[in-house]
Amino acid sequence: MKMTQLDKWLHGYHKDSYQSPKVFVISCSDLSQYLLAVEYKHKLEPLKVDDEPVHFESLERVKEELTRLGVERAYLRLHNAYDECGSVDGPMYHDVELSLATH
Protein backbone atom coordinates (compact mmCIF):
# COMPACT_ATOMS: atom_id res chain seq x y z
CA MET A 1 0.00 0.00 0.00
CA LYS A 2 1.29 3.43 -0.86
CA MET A 3 1.90 5.86 1.99
CA THR A 4 -0.45 8.36 0.30
CA GLN A 5 -3.23 5.73 0.26
CA LEU A 6 -2.89 5.23 4.01
CA ASP A 7 -2.96 8.99 4.55
CA LYS A 8 -6.21 9.29 2.55
CA TRP A 9 -7.67 6.26 4.35
CA LEU A 10 -6.96 7.79 7.75
CA HIS A 11 -8.21 11.27 6.92
CA GLY A 12 -11.09 10.57 4.54
CA TYR A 13 -14.82 10.58 5.23
CA HIS A 14 -15.91 7.66 7.45
CA LYS A 15 -19.18 6.09 8.49
CA ASP A 16 -20.00 5.70 12.18
CA SER A 17 -18.96 2.03 11.98
CA TYR A 18 -15.42 2.99 10.86
CA GLN A 19 -12.49 1.22 12.49
CA SER A 20 -8.98 2.56 12.05
CA PRO A 21 -6.61 0.34 10.07
CA LYS A 22 -4.36 -1.87 12.14
CA VAL A 23 -0.78 -0.67 11.66
CA PHE A 24 2.22 -2.87 12.38
CA VAL A 25 5.89 -2.08 12.89
CA ILE A 26 7.99 -5.02 11.74
CA SER A 27 11.64 -5.44 12.57
CA CYS A 28 14.01 -6.74 9.93
CA SER A 29 16.16 -9.74 10.79
CA ASP A 30 19.26 -7.73 11.72
CA LEU A 31 17.23 -5.36 13.98
CA SER A 32 18.77 -2.31 12.33
CA GLN A 33 15.70 -1.29 10.33
CA TYR A 34 11.95 -1.26 10.76
CA LEU A 35 9.14 -1.51 8.20
CA LEU A 36 5.56 -0.31 8.45
CA ALA A 37 2.68 -2.48 7.32
CA VAL A 38 -1.10 -2.16 7.36
CA GLU A 39 -3.55 -5.02 7.78
CA TYR A 40 -5.78 -5.01 4.71
CA LYS A 41 -8.22 -7.86 4.04
CA HIS A 42 -6.49 -9.98 6.71
CA LYS A 43 -3.07 -9.61 5.05
CA LEU A 44 -0.18 -7.33 5.90
CA GLU A 45 0.63 -4.81 3.17
CA PRO A 46 3.97 -3.00 3.52
CA LEU A 47 3.80 0.77 3.21
CA LYS A 48 5.64 2.00 0.13
CA VAL A 49 6.88 5.21 -1.42
CA ASP A 50 7.67 5.04 -5.14
CA ASP A 51 6.99 1.26 -5.05
CA GLU A 52 9.75 0.69 -2.48
CA PRO A 53 9.07 -0.37 1.12
CA VAL A 54 9.76 2.42 3.59
CA HIS A 55 12.53 1.63 6.08
CA PHE A 56 13.18 3.40 9.37
CA GLU A 57 16.42 3.30 11.34
CA SER A 58 14.84 3.44 14.81
CA LEU A 59 11.59 2.94 16.66
CA GLU A 60 11.60 6.62 17.60
CA ARG A 61 11.65 7.58 13.91
CA VAL A 62 8.77 5.15 13.26
CA LYS A 63 6.75 6.70 16.10
CA GLU A 64 7.39 10.19 14.70
CA GLU A 65 6.10 9.13 11.28
CA LEU A 66 3.03 7.40 12.73
CA THR A 67 2.22 10.48 14.80
CA ARG A 68 2.64 12.69 11.72
CA LEU A 69 0.21 10.46 9.81
CA GLY A 70 -2.32 10.63 12.64
CA VAL A 71 -2.16 6.94 13.57
CA GLU A 72 -3.55 6.50 17.08
CA ARG A 73 -2.49 2.90 17.70
CA ALA A 74 0.22 0.65 16.26
CA TYR A 75 1.66 -2.74 17.10
CA LEU A 76 5.24 -3.96 17.15
CA ARG A 77 5.31 -7.47 15.67
CA LEU A 78 7.94 -9.56 17.42
CA HIS A 79 8.79 -12.81 15.66
CA ASN A 80 9.64 -15.94 17.59
CA ALA A 81 13.39 -16.50 17.18
CA TYR A 82 12.88 -20.27 17.24
CA ASP A 83 10.66 -20.38 14.15
CA GLU A 84 13.84 -20.12 12.02
CA CYS A 85 14.97 -23.42 13.56
CA GLY A 86 11.82 -25.24 12.55
CA SER A 87 10.07 -25.23 15.91
CA VAL A 88 6.32 -24.96 15.40
CA ASP A 89 5.31 -25.04 19.08
CA GLY A 90 3.50 -21.89 20.10
CA PRO A 91 2.80 -18.72 18.16
CA MET A 92 5.18 -17.58 15.42
CA TYR A 93 4.93 -13.95 16.57
CA HIS A 94 3.63 -11.65 19.29
CA ASP A 95 2.10 -8.23 18.79
CA VAL A 96 2.91 -5.59 21.40
CA GLU A 97 1.06 -2.28 21.36
CA LEU A 98 3.36 0.72 20.94
CA SER A 99 2.84 3.88 22.92
CA LEU A 100 2.46 6.75 20.45
CA ALA A 101 1.63 9.38 23.06
CA THR A 102 3.74 12.51 22.79
CA HIS A 103 4.92 14.17 25.99
PDB file of N, CA and C in Angstrom:
ATOM      1  N   MET A   1       0.846  -1.170   0.000  1.00  0.00           N
ATOM      2  CA  MET A   1       0.000   0.000   0.000  1.00  0.00           C
ATOM      3  C   MET A   1       0.894   1.236   0.000  1.00  0.00           C
ATOM      4  N   LYS A   2       0.518   2.191  -0.799  1.00  0.00           N
ATOM      5  CA  LYS A   2       1.290   3.430  -0.856  1.00  0.00           C
ATOM      6  C   LYS A   2       1.003   4.279   0.378  1.00  0.00           C
ATOM      7  N   MET A   3       2.029   5.007   0.818  1.00  0.00           N
ATOM      8  CA  MET A   3       1.900   5.859   1.989  1.00  0.00           C
ATOM      9  C   MET A   3       0.769   6.878   1.788  1.00  0.00           C
ATOM     10  N   THR A   4       0.614   7.386   0.572  1.00  0.00           N
ATOM     11  CA  THR A   4      -0.452   8.359   0.298  1.00  0.00           C
ATOM     12  C   THR A   4      -1.832   7.722   0.433  1.00  0.00           C
ATOM     13  N   GLN A   5      -1.951   6.431   0.104  1.00  0.00           N
ATOM     14  CA  GLN A   5      -3.231   5.734   0.258  1.00  0.00           C
ATOM     15  C   GLN A   5      -3.611   5.636   1.738  1.00  0.00           C
ATOM     16  N   LEU A   6      -2.622   5.314   2.570  1.00  0.00           N
ATOM     17  CA  LEU A   6      -2.891   5.232   4.007  1.00  0.00           C
ATOM     18  C   LEU A   6      -3.311   6.601   4.536  1.00  0.00           C
ATOM     19  N   ASP A   7      -2.635   7.636   4.107  1.00  0.00           N
ATOM     20  CA  ASP A   7      -2.962   8.992   4.554  1.00  0.00           C
ATOM     21  C   ASP A   7      -4.408   9.338   4.193  1.00  0.00           C
ATOM     22  N   LYS A   8      -4.831   9.030   2.972  1.00  0.00           N
ATOM     23  CA  LYS A   8      -6.209   9.291   2.550  1.00  0.00           C
ATOM     24  C   LYS A   8      -7.197   8.430   3.322  1.00  0.00           C
ATOM     25  N   TRP A   9      -6.813   7.175   3.596  1.00  0.00           N
ATOM     26  CA  TRP A   9      -7.665   6.258   4.349  1.00  0.00           C
ATOM     27  C   TRP A   9      -7.907   6.815   5.757  1.00  0.00           C
ATOM     28  N   LEU A  10      -6.847   7.290   6.389  1.00  0.00           N
ATOM     29  CA  LEU A  10      -6.959   7.785   7.752  1.00  0.00           C
ATOM     30  C   LEU A  10      -7.755   9.086   7.845  1.00  0.00           C
ATOM     31  N   HIS A  11      -7.634   9.944   6.829  1.00  0.00           N
ATOM     32  CA  HIS A  11      -8.215  11.274   6.923  1.00  0.00           C
ATOM     33  C   HIS A  11      -9.434  11.495   6.035  1.00  0.00           C
ATOM     34  N   GLY A  12      -9.919  10.454   5.400  1.00  0.00           N
ATOM     35  CA  GLY A  12     -11.094  10.574   4.541  1.00  0.00           C
ATOM     36  C   GLY A  12     -12.385  10.540   5.337  1.00  0.00           C
ATOM     37  N   TYR A  13     -13.496  10.654   4.614  1.00  0.00           N
ATOM     38  CA  TYR A  13     -14.821  10.582   5.231  1.00  0.00           C
ATOM     39  C   TYR A  13     -15.077   9.150   5.694  1.00  0.00           C
ATOM     40  N   HIS A  14     -15.652   8.994   6.896  1.00  0.00           N
ATOM     41  CA  HIS A  14     -15.906   7.663   7.446  1.00  0.00           C
ATOM     42  C   HIS A  14     -17.313   7.568   8.010  1.00  0.00           C
ATOM     43  N   LYS A  15     -17.885   6.388   7.877  1.00  0.00           N
ATOM     44  CA  LYS A  15     -19.177   6.095   8.489  1.00  0.00           C
ATOM     45  C   LYS A  15     -18.981   5.922   9.997  1.00  0.00           C
ATOM     46  N   ASP A  16     -20.077   5.882  10.730  1.00  0.00           N
ATOM     47  CA  ASP A  16     -20.002   5.701  12.180  1.00  0.00           C
ATOM     48  C   ASP A  16     -19.382   4.366  12.565  1.00  0.00           C
ATOM     49  N   SER A  17     -19.490   3.365  11.699  1.00  0.00           N
ATOM     50  CA  SER A  17     -18.960   2.028  11.984  1.00  0.00           C
ATOM     51  C   SER A  17     -17.475   1.895  11.654  1.00  0.00           C
ATOM     52  N   TYR A  18     -16.831   2.998  11.272  1.00  0.00           N
ATOM     53  CA  TYR A  18     -15.419   2.986  10.859  1.00  0.00           C
ATOM     54  C   TYR A  18     -14.502   2.500  11.972  1.00  0.00           C
ATOM     55  N   GLN A  19     -13.556   1.646  11.593  1.00  0.00           N
ATOM     56  CA  GLN A  19     -12.493   1.222  12.490  1.00  0.00           C
ATOM     57  C   GLN A  19     -11.171   1.586  11.826  1.00  0.00           C
ATOM     58  N   SER A  20     -10.282   2.176  12.595  1.00  0.00           N
ATOM     59  CA  SER A  20      -8.983   2.561  12.050  1.00  0.00           C
ATOM     60  C   SER A  20      -8.229   1.331  11.567  1.00  0.00           C
ATOM     61  N   PRO A  21      -7.413   1.488  10.534  1.00  0.00           N
ATOM     62  CA  PRO A  21      -6.615   0.341  10.071  1.00  0.00           C
ATOM     63  C   PRO A  21      -5.620  -0.076  11.139  1.00  0.00           C
ATOM     64  N   LYS A  22      -5.333  -1.351  11.191  1.00  0.00           N
ATOM     65  CA  LYS A  22      -4.364  -1.874  12.144  1.00  0.00           C
ATOM     66  C   LYS A  22      -2.979  -1.741  11.523  1.00  0.00           C
ATOM     67  N   VAL A  23      -2.117  -0.956  12.170  1.00  0.00           N
ATOM     68  CA  VAL A  23      -0.779  -0.668  11.658  1.00  0.00           C
ATOM     69  C   VAL A  23       0.239  -1.456  12.467  1.00  0.00           C
ATOM     70  N   PHE A  24       1.186  -2.067  11.744  1.00  0.00           N
ATOM     71  CA  PHE A  24       2.221  -2.870  12.383  1.00  0.00           C
ATOM     72  C   PHE A  24       3.602  -2.319  12.070  1.00  0.00           C
ATOM     73  N   VAL A  25       4.477  -2.401  13.055  1.00  0.00           N
ATOM     74  CA  VAL A  25       5.891  -2.084  12.885  1.00  0.00           C
ATOM     75  C   VAL A  25       6.597  -3.431  12.918  1.00  0.00           C
ATOM     76  N   ILE A  26       7.346  -3.711  11.853  1.00  0.00           N
ATOM     77  CA  ILE A  26       7.993  -5.021  11.735  1.00  0.00           C
ATOM     78  C   ILE A  26       9.492  -4.819  11.684  1.00  0.00           C
ATOM     79  N   SER A  27      10.190  -5.536  12.524  1.00  0.00           N
ATOM     80  CA  SER A  27      11.644  -5.440  12.568  1.00  0.00           C
ATOM     81  C   SER A  27      12.251  -6.371  11.535  1.00  0.00           C
ATOM     82  N   CYS A  28      13.273  -5.885  10.854  1.00  0.00           N
ATOM     83  CA  CYS A  28      14.013  -6.736   9.930  1.00  0.00           C
ATOM     84  C   CYS A  28      14.896  -7.678  10.725  1.00  0.00           C
ATOM     85  N   SER A  29      15.437  -8.691  10.086  1.00  0.00           N
ATOM     86  CA  SER A  29      16.161  -9.744  10.787  1.00  0.00           C
ATOM     87  C   SER A  29      17.401  -9.252  11.530  1.00  0.00           C
ATOM     88  N   ASP A  30      18.049  -8.202  11.038  1.00  0.00           N
ATOM     89  CA  ASP A  30      19.255  -7.730  11.718  1.00  0.00           C
ATOM     90  C   ASP A  30      18.959  -6.642  12.761  1.00  0.00           C
ATOM     91  N   LEU A  31      17.688  -6.327  12.989  1.00  0.00           N
ATOM     92  CA  LEU A  31      17.234  -5.360  13.982  1.00  0.00           C
ATOM     93  C   LEU A  31      17.758  -3.948  13.762  1.00  0.00           C
ATOM     94  N   SER A  32      18.262  -3.651  12.587  1.00  0.00           N
ATOM     95  CA  SER A  32      18.770  -2.306  12.330  1.00  0.00           C
ATOM     96  C   SER A  32      17.774  -1.453  11.555  1.00  0.00           C
ATOM     97  N   GLN A  33      16.697  -2.045  11.073  1.00  0.00           N
ATOM     98  CA  GLN A  33      15.695  -1.293  10.328  1.00  0.00           C
ATOM     99  C   GLN A  33      14.305  -1.810  10.677  1.00  0.00           C
ATOM    100  N   TYR A  34      13.343  -0.929  10.488  1.00  0.00           N
ATOM    101  CA  TYR A  34      11.949  -1.263  10.756  1.00  0.00           C
ATOM    102  C   TYR A  34      11.103  -0.924   9.534  1.00  0.00           C
ATOM    103  N   LEU A  35      10.098  -1.735   9.287  1.00  0.00           N
ATOM    104  CA  LEU A  35       9.140  -1.512   8.202  1.00  0.00           C
ATOM    105  C   LEU A  35       7.773  -1.228   8.807  1.00  0.00           C
ATOM    106  N   LEU A  36       6.953  -0.508   8.064  1.00  0.00           N
ATOM    107  CA  LEU A  36       5.561  -0.306   8.452  1.00  0.00           C
ATOM    108  C   LEU A  36       4.685  -1.130   7.528  1.00  0.00           C
ATOM    109  N   ALA A  37       3.641  -1.715   8.108  1.00  0.00           N
ATOM    110  CA  ALA A  37       2.684  -2.481   7.316  1.00  0.00           C
ATOM    111  C   ALA A  37       1.291  -2.220   7.861  1.00  0.00           C
ATOM    112  N   VAL A  38       0.302  -2.369   6.994  1.00  0.00           N
ATOM    113  CA  VAL A  38      -1.097  -2.165   7.359  1.00  0.00           C
ATOM    114  C   VAL A  38      -1.850  -3.457   7.071  1.00  0.00           C
ATOM    115  N   GLU A  39      -2.713  -3.846   8.001  1.00  0.00           N
ATOM    116  CA  GLU A  39      -3.548  -5.020   7.776  1.00  0.00           C
ATOM    117  C   GLU A  39      -4.682  -4.623   6.840  1.00  0.00           C
ATOM    118  N   TYR A  40      -4.749  -5.290   5.705  1.00  0.00           N
ATOM    119  CA  TYR A  40      -5.779  -5.015   4.712  1.00  0.00           C
ATOM    120  C   TYR A  40      -6.299  -6.349   4.201  1.00  0.00           C
ATOM    121  N   LYS A  41      -7.583  -6.597   4.413  1.00  0.00           N
ATOM    122  CA  LYS A  41      -8.216  -7.864   4.040  1.00  0.00           C
ATOM    123  C   LYS A  41      -7.475  -9.048   4.640  1.00  0.00           C
ATOM    124  N   HIS A  42      -7.139  -8.935   5.920  1.00  0.00           N
ATOM    125  CA  HIS A  42      -6.492  -9.982   6.713  1.00  0.00           C
ATOM    126  C   HIS A  42      -5.088 -10.337   6.226  1.00  0.00           C
ATOM    127  N   LYS A  43      -4.454  -9.436   5.486  1.00  0.00           N
ATOM    128  CA  LYS A  43      -3.067  -9.615   5.055  1.00  0.00           C
ATOM    129  C   LYS A  43      -2.302  -8.345   5.389  1.00  0.00           C
ATOM    130  N   LEU A  44      -1.011  -8.498   5.642  1.00  0.00           N
ATOM    131  CA  LEU A  44      -0.178  -7.329   5.900  1.00  0.00           C
ATOM    132  C   LEU A  44       0.366  -6.789   4.592  1.00  0.00           C
ATOM    133  N   GLU A  45       0.132  -5.499   4.361  1.00  0.00           N
ATOM    134  CA  GLU A  45       0.625  -4.808   3.170  1.00  0.00           C
ATOM    135  C   GLU A  45       1.702  -3.828   3.618  1.00  0.00           C
ATOM    136  N   PRO A  46       2.932  -3.965   3.132  1.00  0.00           N
ATOM    137  CA  PRO A  46       3.965  -3.004   3.520  1.00  0.00           C
ATOM    138  C   PRO A  46       3.651  -1.626   2.945  1.00  0.00           C
ATOM    139  N   LEU A  47       3.973  -0.588   3.707  1.00  0.00           N
ATOM    140  CA  LEU A  47       3.798   0.774   3.213  1.00  0.00           C
ATOM    141  C   LEU A  47       4.951   1.109   2.287  1.00  0.00           C
ATOM    142  N   LYS A  48       4.626   1.727   1.156  1.00  0.00           N
ATOM    143  CA  LYS A  48       5.637   2.000   0.131  1.00  0.00           C
ATOM    144  C   LYS A  48       5.594   3.454  -0.307  1.00  0.00           C
ATOM    145  N   VAL A  49       6.745   3.933  -0.736  1.00  0.00           N
ATOM    146  CA  VAL A  49       6.879   5.212  -1.416  1.00  0.00           C
ATOM    147  C   VAL A  49       7.645   4.917  -2.695  1.00  0.00           C
ATOM    148  N   ASP A  50       7.081   5.322  -3.833  1.00  0.00           N
ATOM    149  CA  ASP A  50       7.673   5.036  -5.142  1.00  0.00           C
ATOM    150  C   ASP A  50       7.916   3.542  -5.331  1.00  0.00           C
ATOM    151  N   ASP A  51       6.948   2.720  -4.918  1.00  0.00           N
ATOM    152  CA  ASP A  51       6.987   1.255  -5.055  1.00  0.00           C
ATOM    153  C   ASP A  51       8.119   0.579  -4.286  1.00  0.00           C
ATOM    154  N   GLU A  52       8.707   1.271  -3.334  1.00  0.00           N
ATOM    155  CA  GLU A  52       9.755   0.693  -2.480  1.00  0.00           C
ATOM    156  C   GLU A  52       9.282   0.726  -1.032  1.00  0.00           C
ATOM    157  N   PRO A  53       9.455  -0.379  -0.292  1.00  0.00           N
ATOM    158  CA  PRO A  53       9.073  -0.370   1.125  1.00  0.00           C
ATOM    159  C   PRO A  53       9.844   0.714   1.875  1.00  0.00           C
ATOM    160  N   VAL A  54       9.152   1.366   2.797  1.00  0.00           N
ATOM    161  CA  VAL A  54       9.760   2.420   3.590  1.00  0.00           C
ATOM    162  C   VAL A  54      10.468   1.791   4.790  1.00  0.00           C
ATOM    163  N   HIS A  55      11.742   2.121   4.956  1.00  0.00           N
ATOM    164  CA  HIS A  55      12.535   1.628   6.083  1.00  0.00           C
ATOM    165  C   HIS A  55      12.822   2.764   7.051  1.00  0.00           C
ATOM    166  N   PHE A  56      12.848   2.437   8.331  1.00  0.00           N
ATOM    167  CA  PHE A  56      13.184   3.405   9.368  1.00  0.00           C
ATOM    168  C   PHE A  56      14.340   2.846  10.184  1.00  0.00           C
ATOM    169  N   GLU A  57      15.228   3.738  10.629  1.00  0.00           N
ATOM    170  CA  GLU A  57      16.424   3.298  11.335  1.00  0.00           C
ATOM    171  C   GLU A  57      16.214   3.122  12.838  1.00  0.00           C
ATOM    172  N   SER A  58      15.091   3.599  13.369  1.00  0.00           N
ATOM    173  CA  SER A  58      14.844   3.442  14.807  1.00  0.00           C
ATOM    174  C   SER A  58      13.340   3.441  15.080  1.00  0.00           C
ATOM    175  N   LEU A  59      12.985   2.925  16.250  1.00  0.00           N
ATOM    176  CA  LEU A  59      11.585   2.939  16.660  1.00  0.00           C
ATOM    177  C   LEU A  59      11.102   4.365  16.902  1.00  0.00           C
ATOM    178  N   GLU A  60      11.981   5.226  17.380  1.00  0.00           N
ATOM    179  CA  GLU A  60      11.603   6.622  17.597  1.00  0.00           C
ATOM    180  C   GLU A  60      11.216   7.290  16.283  1.00  0.00           C
ATOM    181  N   ARG A  61      11.958   7.008  15.235  1.00  0.00           N
ATOM    182  CA  ARG A  61      11.653   7.579  13.912  1.00  0.00           C
ATOM    183  C   ARG A  61      10.318   7.038  13.396  1.00  0.00           C
ATOM    184  N   VAL A  62      10.050   5.758  13.642  1.00  0.00           N
ATOM    185  CA  VAL A  62       8.769   5.150  13.259  1.00  0.00           C
ATOM    186  C   VAL A  62       7.632   5.844  13.998  1.00  0.00           C
ATOM    187  N   LYS A  63       7.785   6.048  15.306  1.00  0.00           N
ATOM    188  CA  LYS A  63       6.752   6.701  16.101  1.00  0.00           C
ATOM    189  C   LYS A  63       6.495   8.117  15.605  1.00  0.00           C
ATOM    190  N   GLU A  64       7.549   8.835  15.241  1.00  0.00           N
ATOM    191  CA  GLU A  64       7.394  10.190  14.700  1.00  0.00           C
ATOM    192  C   GLU A  64       6.551  10.171  13.427  1.00  0.00           C
ATOM    193  N   GLU A  65       6.836   9.221  12.542  1.00  0.00           N
ATOM    194  CA  GLU A  65       6.097   9.129  11.279  1.00  0.00           C
ATOM    195  C   GLU A  65       4.637   8.748  11.527  1.00  0.00           C
ATOM    196  N   LEU A  66       4.397   7.813  12.425  1.00  0.00           N
ATOM    197  CA  LEU A  66       3.028   7.403  12.732  1.00  0.00           C
ATOM    198  C   LEU A  66       2.236   8.555  13.343  1.00  0.00           C
ATOM    199  N   THR A  67       2.872   9.318  14.208  1.00  0.00           N
ATOM    200  CA  THR A  67       2.219  10.483  14.804  1.00  0.00           C
ATOM    201  C   THR A  67       1.910  11.517  13.732  1.00  0.00           C
ATOM    202  N   ARG A  68       2.848  11.743  12.813  1.00  0.00           N
ATOM    203  CA  ARG A  68       2.645  12.693  11.721  1.00  0.00           C
ATOM    204  C   ARG A  68       1.452  12.282  10.854  1.00  0.00           C
ATOM    205  N   LEU A  69       1.317  10.970  10.617  1.00  0.00           N
ATOM    206  CA  LEU A  69       0.213  10.457   9.808  1.00  0.00           C
ATOM    207  C   LEU A  69      -1.128  10.496  10.544  1.00  0.00           C
ATOM    208  N   GLY A  70      -1.082  10.622  11.860  1.00  0.00           N
ATOM    209  CA  GLY A  70      -2.317  10.629  12.636  1.00  0.00           C
ATOM    210  C   GLY A  70      -2.755   9.258  13.107  1.00  0.00           C
ATOM    211  N   VAL A  71      -1.846   8.293  13.093  1.00  0.00           N
ATOM    212  CA  VAL A  71      -2.159   6.943  13.574  1.00  0.00           C
ATOM    213  C   VAL A  71      -2.261   6.998  15.093  1.00  0.00           C
ATOM    214  N   GLU A  72      -3.334   6.462  15.628  1.00  0.00           N
ATOM    215  CA  GLU A  72      -3.549   6.501  17.076  1.00  0.00           C
ATOM    216  C   GLU A  72      -3.012   5.269  17.791  1.00  0.00           C
ATOM    217  N   ARG A  73      -2.924   4.155  17.076  1.00  0.00           N
ATOM    218  CA  ARG A  73      -2.492   2.898  17.701  1.00  0.00           C
ATOM    219  C   ARG A  73      -1.713   2.089  16.679  1.00  0.00           C
ATOM    220  N   ALA A  74      -0.580   1.516  17.121  1.00  0.00           N
ATOM    221  CA  ALA A  74       0.222   0.653  16.255  1.00  0.00           C
ATOM    222  C   ALA A  74       0.775  -0.493  17.102  1.00  0.00           C
ATOM    223  N   TYR A  75       1.183  -1.542  16.414  1.00  0.00           N
ATOM    224  CA  TYR A  75       1.664  -2.738  17.102  1.00  0.00           C
ATOM    225  C   TYR A  75       3.042  -3.124  16.581  1.00  0.00           C
ATOM    226  N   LEU A  76       3.923  -3.447  17.505  1.00  0.00           N
ATOM    227  CA  LEU A  76       5.244  -3.964  17.155  1.00  0.00           C
ATOM    228  C   LEU A  76       5.108  -5.465  17.051  1.00  0.00           C
ATOM    229  N   ARG A  77       5.405  -6.025  15.881  1.00  0.00           N
ATOM    230  CA  ARG A  77       5.308  -7.468  15.672  1.00  0.00           C
ATOM    231  C   ARG A  77       6.668  -8.079  15.964  1.00  0.00           C
ATOM    232  N   LEU A  78       6.717  -8.886  17.008  1.00  0.00           N
ATOM    233  CA  LEU A  78       7.936  -9.563  17.420  1.00  0.00           C
ATOM    234  C   LEU A  78       7.849 -11.018  16.986  1.00  0.00           C
ATOM    235  N   HIS A  79       8.789 -11.430  16.157  1.00  0.00           N
ATOM    236  CA  HIS A  79       8.791 -12.806  15.662  1.00  0.00           C
ATOM    237  C   HIS A  79       9.508 -13.715  16.648  1.00  0.00           C
ATOM    238  N   ASN A  80       9.035 -14.939  16.738  1.00  0.00           N
ATOM    239  CA  ASN A  80       9.640 -15.944  17.591  1.00  0.00           C
ATOM    240  C   ASN A  80      10.974 -16.360  16.972  1.00  0.00           C
ATOM    241  N   ALA A  81      12.059 -16.191  17.704  1.00  0.00           N
ATOM    242  CA  ALA A  81      13.388 -16.505  17.177  1.00  0.00           C
ATOM    243  C   ALA A  81      13.531 -17.983  16.836  1.00  0.00           C
ATOM    244  N   TYR A  82      12.736 -18.838  17.463  1.00  0.00           N
ATOM    245  CA  TYR A  82      12.879 -20.273  17.237  1.00  0.00           C
ATOM    246  C   TYR A  82      12.187 -20.751  15.972  1.00  0.00           C
ATOM    247  N   ASP A  83      11.342 -19.913  15.357  1.00  0.00           N
ATOM    248  CA  ASP A  83      10.660 -20.384  14.149  1.00  0.00           C
ATOM    249  C   ASP A  83      11.637 -20.559  12.994  1.00  0.00           C
ATOM    250  N   GLU A  84      12.818 -19.912  13.050  1.00  0.00           N
ATOM    251  CA  GLU A  84      13.839 -20.125  12.019  1.00  0.00           C
ATOM    252  C   GLU A  84      14.463 -21.514  12.134  1.00  0.00           C
ATOM    253  N   CYS A  85      14.375 -22.101  13.326  1.00  0.00           N
ATOM    254  CA  CYS A  85      14.973 -23.415  13.557  1.00  0.00           C
ATOM    255  C   CYS A  85      13.980 -24.545  13.313  1.00  0.00           C
ATOM    256  N   GLY A  86      12.786 -24.205  12.889  1.00  0.00           N
ATOM    257  CA  GLY A  86      11.818 -25.236  12.555  1.00  0.00           C
ATOM    258  C   GLY A  86      10.874 -25.610  13.669  1.00  0.00           C
ATOM    259  N   SER A  87      10.976 -24.949  14.813  1.00  0.00           N
ATOM    260  CA  SER A  87      10.066 -25.235  15.908  1.00  0.00           C
ATOM    261  C   SER A  87       8.699 -24.641  15.584  1.00  0.00           C
ATOM    262  N   VAL A  88       7.662 -25.442  15.696  1.00  0.00           N
ATOM    263  CA  VAL A  88       6.320 -24.962  15.402  1.00  0.00           C
ATOM    264  C   VAL A  88       5.453 -24.906  16.659  1.00  0.00           C
ATOM    265  N   ASP A  89       6.058 -25.114  17.821  1.00  0.00           N
ATOM    266  CA  ASP A  89       5.314 -25.042  19.076  1.00  0.00           C
ATOM    267  C   ASP A  89       5.069 -23.582  19.426  1.00  0.00           C
ATOM    268  N   GLY A  90       3.828 -23.248  19.696  1.00  0.00           N
ATOM    269  CA  GLY A  90       3.501 -21.891  20.101  1.00  0.00           C
ATOM    270  C   GLY A  90       3.351 -20.953  18.927  1.00  0.00           C
ATOM    271  N   PRO A  91       3.024 -19.693  19.231  1.00  0.00           N
ATOM    272  CA  PRO A  91       2.805 -18.715  18.158  1.00  0.00           C
ATOM    273  C   PRO A  91       4.102 -18.337  17.454  1.00  0.00           C
ATOM    274  N   MET A  92       3.996 -17.959  16.192  1.00  0.00           N
ATOM    275  CA  MET A  92       5.182 -17.577  15.420  1.00  0.00           C
ATOM    276  C   MET A  92       5.548 -16.120  15.669  1.00  0.00           C
ATOM    277  N   TYR A  93       4.636 -15.336  16.266  1.00  0.00           N
ATOM    278  CA  TYR A  93       4.931 -13.945  16.568  1.00  0.00           C
ATOM    279  C   TYR A  93       4.035 -13.459  17.696  1.00  0.00           C
ATOM    280  N   HIS A  94       4.420 -12.327  18.271  1.00  0.00           N
ATOM    281  CA  HIS A  94       3.634 -11.650  19.286  1.00  0.00           C
ATOM    282  C   HIS A  94       3.497 -10.193  18.873  1.00  0.00           C
ATOM    283  N   ASP A  95       2.323  -9.642  19.078  1.00  0.00           N
ATOM    284  CA  ASP A  95       2.102  -8.226  18.794  1.00  0.00           C
ATOM    285  C   ASP A  95       2.040  -7.472  20.111  1.00  0.00           C
ATOM    286  N   VAL A  96       2.858  -6.419  20.203  1.00  0.00           N
ATOM    287  CA  VAL A  96       2.911  -5.589  21.405  1.00  0.00           C
ATOM    288  C   VAL A  96       2.497  -4.187  20.999  1.00  0.00           C
ATOM    289  N   GLU A  97       1.513  -3.616  21.709  1.00  0.00           N
ATOM    290  CA  GLU A  97       1.061  -2.277  21.365  1.00  0.00           C
ATOM    291  C   GLU A  97       2.132  -1.251  21.702  1.00  0.00           C
ATOM    292  N   LEU A  98       2.397  -0.355  20.754  1.00  0.00           N
ATOM    293  CA  LEU A  98       3.364   0.722  20.941  1.00  0.00           C
ATOM    294  C   LEU A  98       2.671   1.932  21.535  1.00  0.00           C
ATOM    295  N   SER A  99       3.351   2.617  22.394  1.00  0.00           N
ATOM    296  CA  SER A  99       2.843   3.876  22.921  1.00  0.00           C
ATOM    297  C   SER A  99       3.215   4.981  21.941  1.00  0.00           C
ATOM    298  N   LEU A 100       2.220   5.667  21.389  1.00  0.00           N
ATOM    299  CA  LEU A 100       2.456   6.749  20.449  1.00  0.00           C
ATOM    300  C   LEU A 100       2.188   8.111  21.071  1.00  0.00           C
ATOM    301  N   ALA A 101       1.933   8.121  22.381  1.00  0.00           N
ATOM    302  CA  ALA A 101       1.633   9.381  23.060  1.00  0.00           C
ATOM    303  C   ALA A 101       2.867  10.272  23.055  1.00  0.00           C
ATOM    304  N   THR A 102       2.643  11.543  22.741  1.00  0.00           N
ATOM    305  CA  THR A 102       3.738  12.515  22.788  1.00  0.00           C
ATOM    306  C   THR A 102       3.690  13.235  24.115  1.00  0.00           C
ATOM    307  N   HIS A 103       4.842  13.515  24.659  1.00  0.00           N
ATOM    308  CA  HIS A 103       4.923  14.167  25.991  1.00  0.00           C
ATOM    309  C   HIS A 103       5.270  15.615  25.835  1.00  0.00           C
TER     310      HIS A 103
END
